[in-house]
Amino acid sequence: MSTIEYHYQTMGGILSHLVGAGLSRINFDDSDAMDIMTIASAMRKKSGGYAFHGIQLTSKGIAIIQTKPKDPELGESIEKKLAEPGNTDAATYTKIGAFVGGVIAGGIRTLSG
């Protein structure tokens, strides 16, 4: 797996966790974060663990997960795909991360263009 594929997979895992929480603000602690990602550059706490505070979906995030992906394997939307039981494997997370990254990059190109 390439580094970018790994990062897409991580983005998909984080997004899945956020979709499961709805609009609630959540904190990722060591156990949550490491279940989702194993990137060494994550924010380190002084005690040596990892911390991600106040993570939540925004209105833009909700719009992205409700958008119809071009990849037919992702179904009608990311939101619906993540709600399906048994569809949270690494390949799915990678595709979700790539899709979300592409949507964000497209928005940046629009704003700068």
Protein backbone atom coordinates (compact mmCIF):
# COMPACT_ATOMS: atom_id res chain seq x y z
CA MET A 1 0.00 0.00 0.00
CA SER A 2 1.33 3.42 -0.90
CA THR A 3 1.56 6.22 1.65
CA ILE A 4 -1.29 8.14 0.01
CA GLU A 5 -3.51 5.05 0.03
CA TYR A 6 -2.74 4.61 3.73
CA HIS A 7 -3.71 8.22 4.38
CA TYR A 8 -6.93 7.81 2.37
CA GLN A 9 -7.70 4.73 4.46
CA THR A 10 -7.06 6.74 7.64
CA MET A 11 -9.33 9.57 6.43
CA GLY A 12 -12.06 7.03 5.68
CA GLY A 13 -11.73 5.50 9.14
CA ILE A 14 -11.90 8.86 10.86
CA LEU A 15 -14.90 9.89 8.76
CA SER A 16 -16.64 6.63 9.63
CA HIS A 17 -16.11 7.32 13.33
CA LEU A 18 -17.46 10.87 12.94
CA VAL A 19 -20.52 9.73 10.98
CA GLY A 20 -21.25 7.28 13.79
CA ALA A 21 -21.16 10.16 16.28
CA GLY A 22 -23.49 12.36 14.23
CA LEU A 23 -23.12 16.04 15.07
CA SER A 24 -21.76 15.39 18.55
CA ARG A 25 -18.32 16.73 19.40
CA ILE A 26 -16.08 13.87 20.39
CA ASN A 27 -12.59 13.44 21.71
CA PHE A 28 -10.36 10.73 20.40
CA ASP A 29 -8.10 9.28 23.04
CA ASP A 30 -5.32 6.75 22.60
CA SER A 31 -7.65 3.79 22.19
CA ASP A 32 -10.00 5.53 19.72
CA ALA A 33 -7.27 7.10 17.65
CA MET A 34 -5.12 4.01 17.42
CA ASP A 35 -8.12 1.89 16.40
CA ILE A 36 -8.45 4.21 13.41
CA MET A 37 -4.91 5.21 12.58
CA THR A 38 -1.31 4.37 13.29
CA ILE A 39 0.35 7.49 11.90
CA ALA A 40 3.29 8.41 14.15
CA SER A 41 2.89 12.13 13.49
CA ALA A 42 -0.49 12.36 15.24
CA MET A 43 -0.69 14.97 17.98
CA ARG A 44 1.22 13.66 20.99
CA LYS A 45 0.25 14.50 24.55
CA LYS A 46 2.97 15.32 27.06
CA SER A 47 2.28 12.00 28.78
CA GLY A 48 3.33 10.22 25.59
CA GLY A 49 -0.15 9.30 24.34
CA TYR A 50 -2.22 10.74 21.54
CA ALA A 51 -5.08 13.25 21.83
CA PHE A 52 -7.56 14.66 19.34
CA HIS A 53 -10.03 17.05 21.02
CA GLY A 54 -13.30 18.52 19.81
CA ILE A 55 -13.54 16.53 16.59
CA GLN A 56 -16.90 16.79 14.82
CA LEU A 57 -18.53 16.88 11.41
CA THR A 58 -19.15 20.35 10.03
CA SER A 59 -21.83 21.42 7.57
CA LYS A 60 -19.28 20.98 4.78
CA GLY A 61 -18.45 17.50 6.05
CA ILE A 62 -22.12 16.58 6.07
CA ALA A 63 -22.50 17.89 2.52
CA ILE A 64 -19.56 15.73 1.42
CA ILE A 65 -20.89 12.53 2.98
CA GLN A 66 -24.27 13.14 1.33
CA THR A 67 -22.76 13.66 -2.15
CA LYS A 68 -23.08 10.81 -4.68
CA PRO A 69 -19.63 9.35 -5.36
CA LYS A 70 -18.56 8.53 -8.91
CA ASP A 71 -17.35 5.08 -7.75
CA PRO A 72 -20.39 2.76 -7.95
CA GLU A 73 -18.94 0.59 -5.17
CA LEU A 74 -19.50 3.48 -2.73
CA GLY A 75 -23.25 3.49 -3.45
CA GLU A 76 -25.59 6.46 -3.22
CA SER A 77 -23.53 8.35 -0.64
CA ILE A 78 -20.72 7.90 1.86
CA GLU A 79 -23.24 8.29 4.66
CA LYS A 80 -25.35 5.38 3.39
CA LYS A 81 -22.30 3.24 2.63
CA LEU A 82 -21.01 3.63 6.19
CA ALA A 83 -24.45 2.74 7.56
CA GLU A 84 -24.41 -0.64 5.78
CA PRO A 85 -23.28 -3.42 8.11
CA GLY A 86 -20.08 -5.21 7.10
CA ASN A 87 -18.85 -2.60 4.60
CA THR A 88 -16.08 -1.06 6.66
CA ASP A 89 -13.04 -2.86 5.35
CA ALA A 90 -9.73 -1.22 4.52
CA ALA A 91 -10.48 -0.99 0.79
CA THR A 92 -13.74 0.84 1.47
CA TYR A 93 -12.04 3.28 3.83
CA THR A 94 -9.37 3.93 1.19
CA LYS A 95 -12.01 4.70 -1.45
CA ILE A 96 -13.91 6.95 0.95
CA GLY A 97 -10.74 8.86 1.84
CA ALA A 98 -9.82 9.28 -1.83
CA PHE A 99 -13.31 10.54 -2.62
CA VAL A 100 -13.33 13.03 0.27
CA GLY A 101 -9.82 14.22 -0.60
CA GLY A 102 -10.91 14.76 -4.19
CA VAL A 103 -14.00 16.74 -3.17
CA ILE A 104 -11.93 18.95 -0.88
CA ALA A 105 -9.25 19.46 -3.54
CA GLY A 106 -11.94 20.33 -6.09
CA GLY A 107 -13.32 22.99 -3.75
CA ILE A 108 -9.86 24.48 -3.26
CA ARG A 109 -9.27 24.58 -7.03
CA THR A 110 -12.62 26.35 -7.48
CA LEU A 111 -11.78 28.97 -4.87
CA SER A 112 -8.30 29.63 -6.25
CA GLY A 113 -9.23 29.48 -9.92
